[in-house]
Amino acid sequence: VKKRCMSRFARPCHPIPILILLFTGSASLPVQAADLTPEQYLGGKLDAPIRIEVFSDFQCPACRTLYLDVMLKVLQDYSSQNKVCLIYHEFPLRNHTLSRVAARYSKAAQRLGTKQWRAVMESLYDKQAVWGWDGSVDAVVFGALDKEDFLKLKQLLDDPSIEAAIEREVTLGEKRNVQSTPTFFVYAAGKEQRIVGSVPYRVLKDFFDRTLR
């Protein structure tokens, strides 16, 4: 049994069981990248044979599990060799009062570079219970960066384009009918697979290894 967070428009979030699609019966669809820029690639490049696009909320427990237990391994084992292009989209849920704040820090860190972005994302997910309780997003991000980068990030937070970028990603998710987090899309061999909720790393690994033969 896996977990997910409820829709942006639903009542306060609570985990519910879902059915995991194990990459069977994927429909053949045109595999087209969204209007992406290189800074949005958390790992790998767009010419990788497999692309994963994740719509995630920093205050969602299932998103935390997916990132820390699954996607960090994907980055290490596959994205580092450009076998998987991993892209993360901000999708803050309305019933999570601090997720939008965290998304702004993440989006600002993205502009500093992939190394800084990963550090901020990992810290926000790892310490989710802390800042989700006391609101200490700023302190958690401060601990993830050196002083110079943190000061640059703080300046970027005031840039209106940060909020605009988050809105574009939310709109993209709504167009793709994302209703809960995490939701991610796997593109490979001319097909698209939509997954709602987290999956064990071994499931993705098995799929990757079969696809990449």
N, C-alpha and C. Protein backbone atom coordinates (compact mmCIF):
# COMPACT_ATOMS: atom_id res chain seq x y z
N VAL A 1 0.84 -1.18 0.00
CA VAL A 1 0.00 0.00 0.00
C VAL A 1 0.88 1.24 0.00
N LYS A 2 0.64 2.11 -0.95
CA LYS A 2 1.39 3.36 -1.04
C LYS A 2 0.50 4.52 -0.64
N LYS A 3 1.11 5.68 -0.53
CA LYS A 3 0.40 6.86 -0.04
C LYS A 3 0.49 7.99 -1.05
N ARG A 4 -0.45 8.91 -0.93
CA ARG A 4 -0.38 10.14 -1.71
C ARG A 4 -1.06 11.24 -0.92
N CYS A 5 -0.89 12.48 -1.36
CA CYS A 5 -1.58 13.60 -0.76
C CYS A 5 -2.75 13.98 -1.65
N MET A 6 -3.79 14.49 -1.03
CA MET A 6 -5.02 14.77 -1.75
C MET A 6 -4.87 15.94 -2.70
N SER A 7 -5.89 16.15 -3.50
CA SER A 7 -5.94 17.21 -4.50
C SER A 7 -5.71 18.57 -3.90
N ARG A 8 -5.22 19.47 -4.73
CA ARG A 8 -5.04 20.88 -4.33
C ARG A 8 -6.36 21.48 -3.88
N PHE A 9 -7.47 20.94 -4.35
CA PHE A 9 -8.77 21.53 -4.08
C PHE A 9 -9.55 20.75 -3.02
N ALA A 10 -8.92 19.73 -2.45
CA ALA A 10 -9.64 18.86 -1.53
C ALA A 10 -9.57 19.36 -0.10
N ARG A 11 -10.20 18.62 0.80
CA ARG A 11 -10.14 18.89 2.23
C ARG A 11 -8.71 18.66 2.70
N PRO A 12 -8.38 18.99 3.97
CA PRO A 12 -7.02 18.81 4.46
C PRO A 12 -6.47 17.43 4.13
N CYS A 13 -5.20 17.43 3.73
CA CYS A 13 -4.56 16.23 3.20
C CYS A 13 -4.44 15.13 4.24
N HIS A 14 -4.68 13.91 3.80
CA HIS A 14 -4.35 12.74 4.61
C HIS A 14 -4.01 11.60 3.66
N PRO A 15 -3.09 10.70 4.06
CA PRO A 15 -2.68 9.62 3.17
C PRO A 15 -3.84 8.67 2.89
N ILE A 16 -3.95 8.21 1.62
CA ILE A 16 -4.95 7.21 1.28
C ILE A 16 -4.31 6.17 0.40
N PRO A 17 -4.79 4.93 0.42
CA PRO A 17 -4.18 3.90 -0.42
C PRO A 17 -4.47 4.14 -1.88
N ILE A 18 -3.53 3.73 -2.73
CA ILE A 18 -3.73 3.85 -4.18
C ILE A 18 -3.27 2.57 -4.84
N LEU A 19 -3.64 2.40 -6.09
CA LEU A 19 -3.18 1.28 -6.89
C LEU A 19 -1.99 1.73 -7.72
N ILE A 20 -0.90 1.02 -7.62
CA ILE A 20 0.30 1.36 -8.37
C ILE A 20 0.26 0.69 -9.74
N LEU A 21 0.51 1.46 -10.77
CA LEU A 21 0.61 0.92 -12.13
C LEU A 21 2.05 0.50 -12.37
N LEU A 22 2.28 -0.75 -12.65
CA LEU A 22 3.63 -1.27 -12.76
C LEU A 22 4.11 -1.29 -14.20
N PHE A 23 3.91 -0.19 -14.91
CA PHE A 23 4.45 -0.03 -16.25
C PHE A 23 3.94 -1.10 -17.21
N THR A 24 2.69 -1.47 -17.04
CA THR A 24 2.08 -2.41 -17.98
C THR A 24 0.95 -1.71 -18.70
N GLY A 25 0.79 -2.03 -19.95
CA GLY A 25 -0.30 -1.46 -20.70
C GLY A 25 -0.18 0.03 -20.96
N SER A 26 1.04 0.53 -21.02
CA SER A 26 1.24 1.96 -21.26
C SER A 26 0.74 2.33 -22.65
N ALA A 27 0.01 3.40 -22.72
CA ALA A 27 -0.51 3.84 -24.02
C ALA A 27 0.59 4.50 -24.83
N SER A 28 0.55 4.27 -26.13
CA SER A 28 1.50 4.95 -27.01
C SER A 28 1.02 6.37 -27.22
N LEU A 29 1.85 7.29 -26.85
CA LEU A 29 1.49 8.70 -26.94
C LEU A 29 2.67 9.48 -27.51
N PRO A 30 2.40 10.63 -28.11
CA PRO A 30 3.51 11.48 -28.53
C PRO A 30 4.31 11.91 -27.31
N VAL A 31 5.61 11.62 -27.31
CA VAL A 31 6.44 11.98 -26.17
C VAL A 31 7.07 13.33 -26.45
N GLN A 32 6.50 14.36 -25.87
CA GLN A 32 6.98 15.71 -26.10
C GLN A 32 7.35 16.35 -24.77
N ALA A 33 8.51 17.00 -24.73
CA ALA A 33 8.91 17.71 -23.53
C ALA A 33 8.08 18.98 -23.42
N ALA A 34 7.81 19.38 -22.21
CA ALA A 34 7.15 20.66 -21.99
C ALA A 34 8.17 21.76 -22.32
N ASP A 35 7.77 22.99 -22.14
CA ASP A 35 8.66 24.11 -22.40
C ASP A 35 9.69 24.17 -21.27
N LEU A 36 10.74 23.35 -21.44
CA LEU A 36 11.73 23.17 -20.37
C LEU A 36 13.01 23.92 -20.68
N THR A 37 13.71 24.28 -19.63
CA THR A 37 15.03 24.89 -19.75
C THR A 37 16.02 24.00 -19.01
N PRO A 38 17.31 24.05 -19.37
CA PRO A 38 18.29 23.17 -18.72
C PRO A 38 18.32 23.29 -17.20
N GLU A 39 18.01 24.45 -16.65
CA GLU A 39 18.06 24.60 -15.20
C GLU A 39 17.00 23.75 -14.50
N GLN A 40 16.00 23.29 -15.25
CA GLN A 40 14.95 22.46 -14.66
C GLN A 40 15.32 20.99 -14.58
N TYR A 41 16.45 20.60 -15.18
CA TYR A 41 16.86 19.20 -15.14
C TYR A 41 17.58 18.95 -13.81
N LEU A 42 16.96 18.19 -12.95
CA LEU A 42 17.59 17.87 -11.67
C LEU A 42 18.76 16.91 -11.88
N GLY A 43 18.68 16.11 -12.92
CA GLY A 43 19.76 15.20 -13.28
C GLY A 43 19.53 14.69 -14.69
N GLY A 44 20.62 14.37 -15.39
CA GLY A 44 20.51 13.93 -16.77
C GLY A 44 20.17 15.08 -17.71
N LYS A 45 20.04 14.75 -19.00
CA LYS A 45 19.71 15.74 -20.01
C LYS A 45 18.49 15.28 -20.79
N LEU A 46 17.93 16.19 -21.55
CA LEU A 46 16.68 15.89 -22.25
C LEU A 46 16.84 14.82 -23.32
N ASP A 47 18.07 14.56 -23.76
CA ASP A 47 18.28 13.51 -24.76
C ASP A 47 18.47 12.13 -24.14
N ALA A 48 18.30 12.01 -22.84
CA ALA A 48 18.40 10.71 -22.18
C ALA A 48 17.28 9.81 -22.69
N PRO A 49 17.49 8.50 -22.73
CA PRO A 49 16.46 7.60 -23.27
C PRO A 49 15.18 7.53 -22.43
N ILE A 50 15.27 7.92 -21.18
CA ILE A 50 14.10 7.93 -20.30
C ILE A 50 13.99 9.30 -19.66
N ARG A 51 12.77 9.81 -19.60
CA ARG A 51 12.52 11.10 -18.92
C ARG A 51 11.44 10.90 -17.86
N ILE A 52 11.67 11.44 -16.69
CA ILE A 52 10.69 11.42 -15.61
C ILE A 52 10.37 12.86 -15.23
N GLU A 53 9.10 13.19 -15.19
CA GLU A 53 8.66 14.51 -14.72
C GLU A 53 7.77 14.32 -13.50
N VAL A 54 8.20 14.90 -12.38
CA VAL A 54 7.50 14.73 -11.10
C VAL A 54 6.81 16.04 -10.72
N PHE A 55 5.55 15.93 -10.32
CA PHE A 55 4.82 17.06 -9.74
C PHE A 55 4.73 16.79 -8.23
N SER A 56 5.32 17.69 -7.45
CA SER A 56 5.56 17.38 -6.05
C SER A 56 5.28 18.58 -5.15
N ASP A 57 4.99 18.27 -3.89
CA ASP A 57 4.69 19.26 -2.86
C ASP A 57 5.62 18.99 -1.67
N PHE A 58 6.36 20.00 -1.24
CA PHE A 58 7.35 19.79 -0.19
C PHE A 58 6.74 19.42 1.16
N GLN A 59 5.47 19.69 1.38
CA GLN A 59 4.85 19.37 2.66
C GLN A 59 4.11 18.03 2.62
N CYS A 60 4.20 17.33 1.50
CA CYS A 60 3.51 16.05 1.31
C CYS A 60 4.42 14.91 1.77
N PRO A 61 4.00 14.10 2.75
CA PRO A 61 4.84 12.99 3.23
C PRO A 61 5.20 11.98 2.14
N ALA A 62 4.26 11.69 1.24
CA ALA A 62 4.55 10.74 0.17
C ALA A 62 5.58 11.30 -0.81
N CYS A 63 5.56 12.61 -1.01
CA CYS A 63 6.57 13.25 -1.88
C CYS A 63 7.95 13.15 -1.24
N ARG A 64 7.98 13.27 0.08
CA ARG A 64 9.24 13.11 0.82
C ARG A 64 9.80 11.71 0.59
N THR A 65 8.96 10.71 0.75
CA THR A 65 9.39 9.33 0.55
C THR A 65 9.89 9.09 -0.87
N LEU A 66 9.15 9.59 -1.84
CA LEU A 66 9.54 9.40 -3.23
C LEU A 66 10.90 10.02 -3.50
N TYR A 67 11.13 11.23 -3.00
CA TYR A 67 12.40 11.90 -3.28
C TYR A 67 13.56 11.25 -2.56
N LEU A 68 13.43 11.05 -1.25
CA LEU A 68 14.55 10.57 -0.45
C LEU A 68 14.85 9.09 -0.68
N ASP A 69 13.82 8.28 -0.86
CA ASP A 69 14.02 6.84 -0.97
C ASP A 69 14.13 6.33 -2.40
N VAL A 70 13.65 7.12 -3.35
CA VAL A 70 13.61 6.63 -4.74
C VAL A 70 14.41 7.53 -5.68
N MET A 71 14.04 8.79 -5.77
CA MET A 71 14.64 9.66 -6.79
C MET A 71 16.10 9.99 -6.54
N LEU A 72 16.53 10.01 -5.28
CA LEU A 72 17.96 10.22 -5.03
C LEU A 72 18.78 9.06 -5.60
N LYS A 73 18.23 7.85 -5.54
CA LYS A 73 18.90 6.68 -6.12
C LYS A 73 18.87 6.73 -7.64
N VAL A 74 17.76 7.23 -8.19
CA VAL A 74 17.68 7.40 -9.65
C VAL A 74 18.76 8.38 -10.11
N LEU A 75 18.92 9.47 -9.38
CA LEU A 75 19.94 10.46 -9.72
C LEU A 75 21.33 9.83 -9.69
N GLN A 76 21.60 9.06 -8.66
CA GLN A 76 22.92 8.46 -8.49
C GLN A 76 23.21 7.37 -9.52
N ASP A 77 22.23 6.51 -9.75
CA ASP A 77 22.49 5.31 -10.57
C ASP A 77 22.25 5.51 -12.06
N TYR A 78 21.35 6.42 -12.41
CA TYR A 78 20.95 6.54 -13.82
C TYR A 78 21.15 7.95 -14.40
N SER A 79 20.73 8.98 -13.66
CA SER A 79 20.88 10.34 -14.20
C SER A 79 22.34 10.72 -14.33
N SER A 80 23.19 10.22 -13.45
CA SER A 80 24.62 10.53 -13.51
C SER A 80 25.26 10.02 -14.79
N GLN A 81 24.63 9.00 -15.40
CA GLN A 81 25.12 8.45 -16.67
C GLN A 81 24.26 8.90 -17.86
N ASN A 82 23.39 9.86 -17.63
CA ASN A 82 22.46 10.39 -18.63
C ASN A 82 21.58 9.30 -19.22
N LYS A 83 21.18 8.35 -18.39
CA LYS A 83 20.21 7.34 -18.81
C LYS A 83 18.79 7.77 -18.47
N VAL A 84 18.66 8.62 -17.47
CA VAL A 84 17.36 9.14 -17.06
C VAL A 84 17.47 10.64 -16.84
N CYS A 85 16.61 11.38 -17.50
CA CYS A 85 16.49 12.82 -17.26
C CYS A 85 15.39 13.02 -16.22
N LEU A 86 15.75 13.56 -15.06
CA LEU A 86 14.79 13.74 -13.98
C LEU A 86 14.45 15.22 -13.85
N ILE A 87 13.16 15.51 -13.93
CA ILE A 87 12.67 16.89 -13.87
C ILE A 87 11.63 16.99 -12.76
N TYR A 88 11.78 18.01 -11.92
CA TYR A 88 10.82 18.23 -10.84
C TYR A 88 10.04 19.51 -11.09
N HIS A 89 8.72 19.41 -10.94
CA HIS A 89 7.84 20.57 -11.05
C HIS A 89 7.21 20.86 -9.69
N GLU A 90 7.12 22.14 -9.36
CA GLU A 90 6.45 22.54 -8.12
C GLU A 90 4.94 22.40 -8.30
N PHE A 91 4.31 21.76 -7.30
CA PHE A 91 2.86 21.64 -7.32
C PHE A 91 2.33 21.76 -5.89
N PRO A 92 2.50 22.94 -5.28
CA PRO A 92 2.08 23.13 -3.88
C PRO A 92 0.57 22.99 -3.71
N LEU A 93 0.17 22.17 -2.76
CA LEU A 93 -1.24 21.96 -2.49
C LEU A 93 -1.79 23.11 -1.66
N ARG A 94 -3.01 23.51 -1.96
CA ARG A 94 -3.59 24.66 -1.27
C ARG A 94 -3.83 24.42 0.21
N ASN A 95 -4.06 23.16 0.59
CA ASN A 95 -4.33 22.88 1.99
C ASN A 95 -3.05 22.72 2.82
N HIS A 96 -1.89 22.84 2.17
CA HIS A 96 -0.61 22.84 2.89
C HIS A 96 -0.12 24.28 3.00
N THR A 97 -0.18 24.82 4.17
CA THR A 97 0.02 26.26 4.35
C THR A 97 1.45 26.73 4.06
N LEU A 98 2.43 25.83 4.18
CA LEU A 98 3.82 26.25 3.99
C LEU A 98 4.45 25.73 2.69
N SER A 99 3.72 24.91 1.95
CA SER A 99 4.32 24.30 0.77
C SER A 99 4.66 25.34 -0.31
N ARG A 100 3.85 26.38 -0.40
CA ARG A 100 4.14 27.43 -1.38
C ARG A 100 5.41 28.19 -1.00
N VAL A 101 5.60 28.42 0.28
CA VAL A 101 6.82 29.08 0.75
C VAL A 101 8.04 28.22 0.40
N ALA A 102 7.95 26.94 0.70
CA ALA A 102 9.06 26.04 0.39
C ALA A 102 9.32 25.99 -1.11
N ALA A 103 8.26 26.02 -1.90
CA ALA A 103 8.43 26.00 -3.36
C ALA A 103 9.20 27.22 -3.85
N ARG A 104 8.98 28.36 -3.23
CA ARG A 104 9.71 29.58 -3.63
C ARG A 104 11.21 29.42 -3.36
N TYR A 105 11.55 28.86 -2.20
CA TYR A 105 12.96 28.63 -1.89
C TYR A 105 13.57 27.65 -2.88
N SER A 106 12.84 26.61 -3.21
CA SER A 106 13.33 25.62 -4.17
C SER A 106 13.56 26.24 -5.54
N LYS A 107 12.59 27.02 -5.99
CA LYS A 107 12.69 27.62 -7.31
C LYS A 107 13.84 28.64 -7.36
N ALA A 108 14.05 29.37 -6.26
CA ALA A 108 15.17 30.30 -6.20
C ALA A 108 16.49 29.55 -6.21
N ALA A 109 16.57 28.45 -5.47
CA ALA A 109 17.79 27.64 -5.44
C ALA A 109 18.10 27.06 -6.81
N GLN A 110 17.07 26.74 -7.56
CA GLN A 110 17.25 26.21 -8.91
C GLN A 110 18.07 27.16 -9.76
N ARG A 111 17.88 28.44 -9.56
CA ARG A 111 18.57 29.44 -10.37
C ARG A 111 20.03 29.61 -9.96
N LEU A 112 20.38 29.10 -8.79
CA LEU A 112 21.78 29.16 -8.37
C LEU A 112 22.60 28.05 -9.00
N GLY A 113 21.94 26.96 -9.36
CA GLY A 113 22.64 25.83 -9.95
C GLY A 113 22.08 24.51 -9.44
N THR A 114 22.36 23.44 -10.18
CA THR A 114 21.82 22.13 -9.83
C THR A 114 22.30 21.67 -8.45
N LYS A 115 23.57 21.90 -8.13
CA LYS A 115 24.11 21.48 -6.84
C LYS A 115 23.35 22.13 -5.69
N GLN A 116 23.13 23.44 -5.79
CA GLN A 116 22.41 24.16 -4.74
C GLN A 116 20.95 23.74 -4.68
N TRP A 117 20.35 23.53 -5.85
CA TRP A 117 18.95 23.12 -5.89
C TRP A 117 18.76 21.77 -5.20
N ARG A 118 19.62 20.82 -5.53
CA ARG A 118 19.53 19.50 -4.90
C ARG A 118 19.71 19.59 -3.39
N ALA A 119 20.66 20.42 -2.96
CA ALA A 119 20.91 20.55 -1.52
C ALA A 119 19.69 21.10 -0.80
N VAL A 120 19.04 22.09 -1.39
CA VAL A 120 17.84 22.68 -0.78
C VAL A 120 16.69 21.69 -0.78
N MET A 121 16.48 21.01 -1.90
CA MET A 121 15.40 20.02 -1.96
C MET A 121 15.58 18.92 -0.93
N GLU A 122 16.80 18.40 -0.85
CA GLU A 122 17.05 17.31 0.09
C GLU A 122 16.83 17.77 1.53
N SER A 123 17.26 18.98 1.84
CA SER A 123 17.09 19.49 3.20
C SER A 123 15.62 19.73 3.52
N LEU A 124 14.87 20.28 2.58
CA LEU A 124 13.44 20.53 2.81
C LEU A 124 12.67 19.23 3.02
N TYR A 125 13.00 18.22 2.22
CA TYR A 125 12.31 16.94 2.40
C TYR A 125 12.77 16.23 3.68
N ASP A 126 14.07 16.24 3.92
CA ASP A 126 14.60 15.55 5.08
C ASP A 126 14.05 16.13 6.39
N LYS A 127 13.93 17.45 6.44
CA LYS A 127 13.48 18.13 7.67
C LYS A 127 12.02 18.60 7.56
N GLN A 128 11.26 17.91 6.74
CA GLN A 128 9.87 18.27 6.51
C GLN A 128 9.07 18.40 7.81
N ALA A 129 9.26 17.46 8.73
CA ALA A 129 8.50 17.47 9.99
C ALA A 129 8.84 18.69 10.85
N VAL A 130 10.08 19.18 10.71
CA VAL A 130 10.51 20.33 11.52
C VAL A 130 9.87 21.62 11.02
N TRP A 131 10.16 21.98 9.77
CA TRP A 131 9.64 23.26 9.26
C TRP A 131 8.13 23.21 9.03
N GLY A 132 7.61 22.02 8.79
CA GLY A 132 6.16 21.89 8.65
C GLY A 132 5.44 22.16 9.96
N TRP A 133 6.15 21.99 11.07
CA TRP A 133 5.58 22.22 12.39
C TRP A 133 5.78 23.65 12.87
N ASP A 134 7.02 24.15 12.74
CA ASP A 134 7.33 25.47 13.32
C ASP A 134 7.54 26.58 12.29
N GLY A 135 7.43 26.23 10.99
CA GLY A 135 7.55 27.26 9.95
C GLY A 135 8.97 27.70 9.65
N SER A 136 9.96 26.94 10.09
CA SER A 136 11.36 27.38 9.97
C SER A 136 11.97 27.03 8.60
N VAL A 137 11.26 27.34 7.54
CA VAL A 137 11.76 27.06 6.18
C VAL A 137 13.08 27.78 5.94
N ASP A 138 13.15 29.03 6.34
CA ASP A 138 14.34 29.84 6.11
C ASP A 138 15.55 29.22 6.81
N ALA A 139 15.38 28.79 8.03
CA ALA A 139 16.49 28.20 8.79
C ALA A 139 16.95 26.89 8.18
N VAL A 140 16.01 26.09 7.71
CA VAL A 140 16.35 24.80 7.09
C VAL A 140 17.15 25.03 5.81
N VAL A 141 16.74 25.99 5.00
CA VAL A 141 17.47 26.29 3.76
C VAL A 141 18.83 26.88 4.07
N PHE A 142 18.91 27.72 5.09
CA PHE A 142 20.20 28.32 5.51
C PHE A 142 21.21 27.21 5.82
N GLY A 143 20.74 26.15 6.46
CA GLY A 143 21.63 25.06 6.81
C GLY A 143 22.08 24.22 5.63
N ALA A 144 21.42 24.39 4.49
CA ALA A 144 21.74 23.58 3.32
C ALA A 144 22.75 24.25 2.39
N LEU A 145 22.95 25.56 2.54
CA LEU A 145 23.79 26.33 1.63
C LEU A 145 24.91 27.04 2.37
N ASP A 146 25.95 27.41 1.62
CA ASP A 146 26.95 28.28 2.25
C ASP A 146 26.39 29.70 2.30
N LYS A 147 27.03 30.56 3.06
CA LYS A 147 26.49 31.89 3.33
C LYS A 147 26.30 32.70 2.05
N GLU A 148 27.25 32.62 1.14
CA GLU A 148 27.17 33.41 -0.10
C GLU A 148 25.97 32.99 -0.93
N ASP A 149 25.79 31.69 -1.09
CA ASP A 149 24.66 31.20 -1.87
C ASP A 149 23.33 31.53 -1.20
N PHE A 150 23.31 31.45 0.12
CA PHE A 150 22.07 31.76 0.84
C PHE A 150 21.67 33.22 0.63
N LEU A 151 22.64 34.12 0.66
CA LEU A 151 22.34 35.52 0.44
C LEU A 151 21.83 35.77 -0.98
N LYS A 152 22.41 35.07 -1.95
CA LYS A 152 21.93 35.19 -3.32
C LYS A 152 20.49 34.68 -3.43
N LEU A 153 20.23 33.57 -2.76
CA LEU A 153 18.88 33.01 -2.79
C LEU A 153 17.87 33.97 -2.19
N LYS A 154 18.23 34.60 -1.10
CA LYS A 154 17.30 35.52 -0.44
C LYS A 154 16.96 36.70 -1.35
N GLN A 155 17.91 37.14 -2.14
CA GLN A 155 17.63 38.22 -3.09
C GLN A 155 16.69 37.74 -4.19
N LEU A 156 16.89 36.50 -4.62
CA LEU A 156 16.04 35.96 -5.68
C LEU A 156 14.59 35.77 -5.23
N LEU A 157 14.38 35.54 -3.95
CA LEU A 157 13.02 35.32 -3.45
C LEU A 157 12.10 36.49 -3.74
N ASP A 158 12.66 37.69 -3.83
CA ASP A 158 11.85 38.88 -4.08
C ASP A 158 11.54 39.09 -5.55
N ASP A 159 12.11 38.27 -6.41
CA ASP A 159 11.90 38.41 -7.85
C ASP A 159 10.51 37.87 -8.21
N PRO A 160 9.65 38.69 -8.81
CA PRO A 160 8.30 38.23 -9.18
C PRO A 160 8.30 37.02 -10.11
N SER A 161 9.39 36.82 -10.84
CA SER A 161 9.44 35.70 -11.78
C SER A 161 9.48 34.35 -11.06
N ILE A 162 9.87 34.36 -9.78
CA ILE A 162 9.86 33.11 -9.01
C ILE A 162 8.43 32.60 -8.85
N GLU A 163 7.56 33.49 -8.41
CA GLU A 163 6.15 33.12 -8.24
C GLU A 163 5.52 32.77 -9.58
N ALA A 164 5.89 33.51 -10.62
CA ALA A 164 5.35 33.23 -11.96
C ALA A 164 5.77 31.85 -12.44
N ALA A 165 7.01 31.46 -12.13
CA ALA A 165 7.50 30.13 -12.54
C ALA A 165 6.72 29.02 -11.83
N ILE A 166 6.42 29.23 -10.56
CA ILE A 166 5.64 28.24 -9.82
C ILE A 166 4.24 28.12 -10.42
N GLU A 167 3.64 29.25 -10.74
CA GLU A 167 2.30 29.23 -11.33
C GLU A 167 2.28 28.50 -12.67
N ARG A 168 3.34 28.67 -13.46
CA ARG A 168 3.41 27.96 -14.75
C ARG A 168 3.45 26.45 -14.53
N GLU A 169 4.18 26.02 -13.52
CA GLU A 169 4.28 24.60 -13.27
C GLU A 169 2.97 24.04 -12.70
N VAL A 170 2.30 24.81 -11.87
CA VAL A 170 0.99 24.40 -11.37
C VAL A 170 0.00 24.28 -12.53
N THR A 171 0.02 25.26 -13.41
CA THR A 171 -0.87 25.24 -14.57
C THR A 171 -0.57 24.04 -15.46
N LEU A 172 0.71 23.74 -15.65
CA LEU A 172 1.10 22.57 -16.44
C LEU A 172 0.55 21.30 -15.81
N GLY A 173 0.68 21.19 -14.49
CA GLY A 173 0.15 20.03 -13.80
C GLY A 173 -1.36 19.90 -13.96
N GLU A 174 -2.06 21.00 -13.86
CA GLU A 174 -3.52 20.97 -14.02
C GLU A 174 -3.90 20.55 -15.43
N LYS A 175 -3.14 21.00 -16.42
CA LYS A 175 -3.40 20.58 -17.80
C LYS A 175 -3.20 19.09 -17.97
N ARG A 176 -2.29 18.52 -17.19
CA ARG A 176 -2.03 17.08 -17.26
C ARG A 176 -2.91 16.31 -16.28
N ASN A 177 -3.87 17.00 -15.72
CA ASN A 177 -4.83 16.38 -14.81
C ASN A 177 -4.18 15.82 -13.55
N VAL A 178 -3.16 16.51 -13.06
CA VAL A 178 -2.57 16.15 -11.77
C VAL A 178 -3.53 16.58 -10.67
N GLN A 179 -3.97 15.64 -9.86
CA GLN A 179 -4.95 15.93 -8.82
C GLN A 179 -4.44 15.66 -7.43
N SER A 180 -3.29 15.00 -7.32
CA SER A 180 -2.72 14.71 -6.01
C SER A 180 -1.21 14.56 -6.17
N THR A 181 -0.53 14.57 -5.04
CA THR A 181 0.93 14.46 -5.09
C THR A 181 1.39 13.26 -4.28
N PRO A 182 2.53 12.65 -4.70
CA PRO A 182 3.22 12.96 -5.95
C PRO A 182 2.53 12.29 -7.14
N THR A 183 2.58 12.96 -8.27
CA THR A 183 2.20 12.36 -9.54
C THR A 183 3.39 12.53 -10.47
N PHE A 184 3.79 11.45 -11.13
CA PHE A 184 4.90 11.60 -12.06
C PHE A 184 4.64 10.83 -13.34
N PHE A 185 5.31 11.29 -14.38
CA PHE A 185 5.14 10.75 -15.72
C PHE A 185 6.49 10.19 -16.20
N VAL A 186 6.46 8.99 -16.70
CA VAL A 186 7.66 8.35 -17.23
C VAL A 186 7.52 8.25 -18.74
N TYR A 187 8.48 8.80 -19.46
CA TYR A 187 8.48 8.77 -20.92
C TYR A 187 9.65 7.90 -21.38
N ALA A 188 9.33 6.86 -22.15
CA ALA A 188 10.37 5.97 -22.66
C ALA A 188 9.83 5.19 -23.85
N ALA A 189 10.68 4.98 -24.83
CA ALA A 189 10.33 4.17 -26.01
C ALA A 189 9.03 4.62 -26.66
N GLY A 190 8.82 5.93 -26.73
CA GLY A 190 7.64 6.45 -27.39
C GLY A 190 6.35 6.30 -26.61
N LYS A 191 6.45 5.97 -25.33
CA LYS A 191 5.26 5.79 -24.51
C LYS A 191 5.32 6.66 -23.27
N GLU A 192 4.15 6.89 -22.71
CA GLU A 192 4.02 7.65 -21.47
C GLU A 192 3.33 6.79 -20.42
N GLN A 193 3.87 6.79 -19.21
CA GLN A 193 3.22 6.10 -18.09
C GLN A 193 3.01 7.10 -16.96
N ARG A 194 1.77 7.22 -16.51
CA ARG A 194 1.43 8.11 -15.41
C ARG A 194 1.39 7.29 -14.11
N ILE A 195 2.09 7.75 -13.08
CA ILE A 195 2.13 7.07 -11.80
C ILE A 195 1.65 8.04 -10.72
N VAL A 196 0.71 7.61 -9.91
CA VAL A 196 0.20 8.43 -8.82
C VAL A 196 0.66 7.81 -7.50
N GLY A 197 1.40 8.56 -6.71
CA GLY A 197 1.94 8.05 -5.46
C GLY A 197 3.40 7.64 -5.63
N SER A 198 3.96 7.12 -4.57
CA SER A 198 5.35 6.66 -4.61
C SER A 198 5.41 5.21 -5.07
N VAL A 199 6.59 4.79 -5.49
CA VAL A 199 6.82 3.39 -5.86
C VAL A 199 8.16 2.97 -5.26
N PRO A 200 8.34 1.69 -4.99
CA PRO A 200 9.66 1.23 -4.52
C PRO A 200 10.72 1.44 -5.60
N TYR A 201 11.92 1.73 -5.18
CA TYR A 201 13.00 1.94 -6.13
C TYR A 201 13.21 0.71 -7.02
N ARG A 202 13.06 -0.48 -6.45
CA ARG A 202 13.30 -1.70 -7.23
C ARG A 202 12.37 -1.80 -8.43
N VAL A 203 11.15 -1.22 -8.31
CA VAL A 203 10.20 -1.26 -9.42
C VAL A 203 10.72 -0.40 -10.57
N LEU A 204 11.15 0.81 -10.25
CA LEU A 204 11.72 1.69 -11.27
C LEU A 204 13.00 1.09 -11.85
N LYS A 205 13.84 0.56 -10.98
CA LYS A 205 15.11 -0.01 -11.44
C LYS A 205 14.87 -1.14 -12.44
N ASP A 206 13.93 -2.01 -12.14
CA ASP A 206 13.62 -3.11 -13.04
C ASP A 206 13.13 -2.58 -14.39
N PHE A 207 12.28 -1.56 -14.36
CA PHE A 207 11.78 -0.97 -15.60
C PHE A 207 12.90 -0.32 -16.39
N PHE A 208 13.76 0.45 -15.69
CA PHE A 208 14.87 1.10 -16.37
C PHE A 208 15.78 0.07 -17.05
N ASP A 209 16.13 -0.98 -16.31
CA ASP A 209 17.08 -1.96 -16.84
C ASP A 209 16.50 -2.70 -18.03
N ARG A 210 15.20 -3.00 -18.01
CA ARG A 210 14.56 -3.65 -19.16
C ARG A 210 14.52 -2.71 -20.36
N THR A 211 14.23 -1.44 -20.11
CA THR A 211 14.12 -0.45 -21.18
C THR A 211 15.47 -0.15 -21.82
N LEU A 212 16.50 -0.16 -21.01
CA LEU A 212 17.83 0.28 -21.47
C LEU A 212 18.66 -0.85 -22.08
N ARG A 213 18.12 -2.05 -22.14
CA ARG A 213 18.88 -3.17 -22.72
C ARG A 213 19.19 -2.92 -24.19
